[in-house]
């Protein structure tokens, strides 16, 4: 799982907190001043510029609202098992 984040974005902090509570391992790319990874994120996400951008097994799932919905609906656990 990969997350593209800004250091002080509330949605980024919420997403990381949710994943930490679930003991999910992720690679974080902090893109505040990282134009290269910002471009990579935009290409991978189909042009999205909002953060966080979250990828599970290479698939863009969106940001914190989508992550929260997946978790609340019980879908996130299944996606994480498939990606493991």
Protein backbone atom coordinates (compact mmCIF):
# COMPACT_ATOMS: atom_id res chain seq x y z
CA UNK A 1 0.00 0.00 0.00
CA UNK A 2 1.24 3.46 -0.88
CA UNK A 3 0.10 6.86 0.36
CA UNK A 4 0.99 10.20 -1.12
CA UNK A 5 0.60 12.84 1.58
CA UNK A 6 1.22 16.38 2.75
CA UNK A 7 2.69 16.64 6.25
CA UNK A 8 -0.03 18.79 7.78
CA UNK A 9 -3.12 17.78 5.79
CA UNK A 10 -5.95 16.75 8.12
CA UNK A 11 -7.17 14.09 5.68
CA UNK A 12 -3.65 12.65 5.44
CA UNK A 13 -3.37 12.53 9.22
CA UNK A 14 -6.79 10.85 9.47
CA UNK A 15 -5.90 8.27 6.79
CA UNK A 16 -2.60 7.37 8.45
CA UNK A 17 -4.32 7.15 11.84
CA UNK A 18 -6.93 4.74 10.48
CA UNK A 19 -4.28 2.57 8.85
CA UNK A 20 -2.11 2.65 11.98
CA UNK A 21 -5.09 1.55 14.14
CA UNK A 22 -5.61 -1.35 11.74
CA UNK A 23 -1.87 -2.19 11.89
CA UNK A 24 -1.56 -1.76 8.13
CA UNK A 25 1.94 -1.35 6.74
CA UNK A 26 2.25 1.33 4.08
CA UNK A 27 4.86 3.29 2.16
CA UNK A 28 4.38 7.02 2.55
CA UNK A 29 5.54 9.55 0.00
CA UNK A 30 5.48 13.03 1.55
CA UNK A 31 5.11 15.30 -1.45
CA UNK A 32 5.09 18.79 0.14
CA UNK A 33 8.31 19.73 -1.68
CA UNK A 34 8.72 16.66 -3.89
CA UNK A 35 7.70 17.57 -7.43
CA UNK A 36 8.87 14.24 -8.86
CA UNK A 37 6.66 12.10 -6.60
CA UNK A 38 3.82 14.62 -6.96
CA UNK A 39 3.94 14.02 -10.73
CA UNK A 40 4.08 10.24 -10.17
CA UNK A 41 1.01 10.47 -7.91
CA UNK A 42 -0.91 12.50 -10.47
CA UNK A 43 -0.11 10.04 -13.25
CA UNK A 44 -1.02 7.02 -11.10
CA UNK A 45 -4.27 8.60 -9.91
CA UNK A 46 -5.52 9.77 -13.28
CA UNK A 47 -4.66 13.42 -12.68
CA UNK A 48 -5.92 13.82 -9.13
CA UNK A 49 -4.05 16.45 -7.14
CA UNK A 50 -5.78 16.12 -3.74
CA UNK A 51 -4.11 14.30 -0.88
CA UNK A 52 -3.93 11.75 0.36
CA UNK A 53 -3.93 9.55 -2.69
CA UNK A 54 -4.03 5.93 -1.61
CA UNK A 55 -3.09 2.87 -3.65
CA UNK A 56 -3.70 -0.74 -2.70
CA UNK A 57 -1.86 -3.30 -4.80
CA UNK A 58 -1.24 -0.58 -7.39
CA UNK A 59 -4.92 0.37 -7.69
CA UNK A 60 -5.96 3.95 -6.91
CA UNK A 61 -8.71 3.95 -4.30
CA UNK A 62 -8.85 7.73 -3.75
CA UNK A 63 -8.40 9.69 -0.56
CA UNK A 64 -9.47 9.54 3.07
CA UNK A 65 -13.25 9.64 2.44
CA UNK A 66 -12.98 6.60 0.16
CA UNK A 67 -10.67 4.80 2.61
CA UNK A 68 -13.12 5.48 5.44
CA UNK A 69 -16.08 4.20 3.38
CA UNK A 70 -14.18 1.04 2.43
CA UNK A 71 -13.35 0.41 6.07
CA UNK A 72 -16.88 1.12 7.33
CA UNK A 73 -18.31 -1.23 4.70
CA UNK A 74 -15.91 -4.06 5.55
CA UNK A 75 -14.33 -3.92 2.10
CA UNK A 76 -10.95 -2.55 3.18
CA UNK A 77 -10.01 -5.69 5.13
CA UNK A 78 -10.73 -7.85 2.10
CA UNK A 79 -8.70 -5.59 -0.20
CA UNK A 80 -5.76 -5.66 2.19
CA UNK A 81 -5.87 -9.47 2.45
CA UNK A 82 -5.85 -9.76 -1.34
CA UNK A 83 -2.89 -7.36 -1.58
CA UNK A 84 -0.85 -9.17 1.08
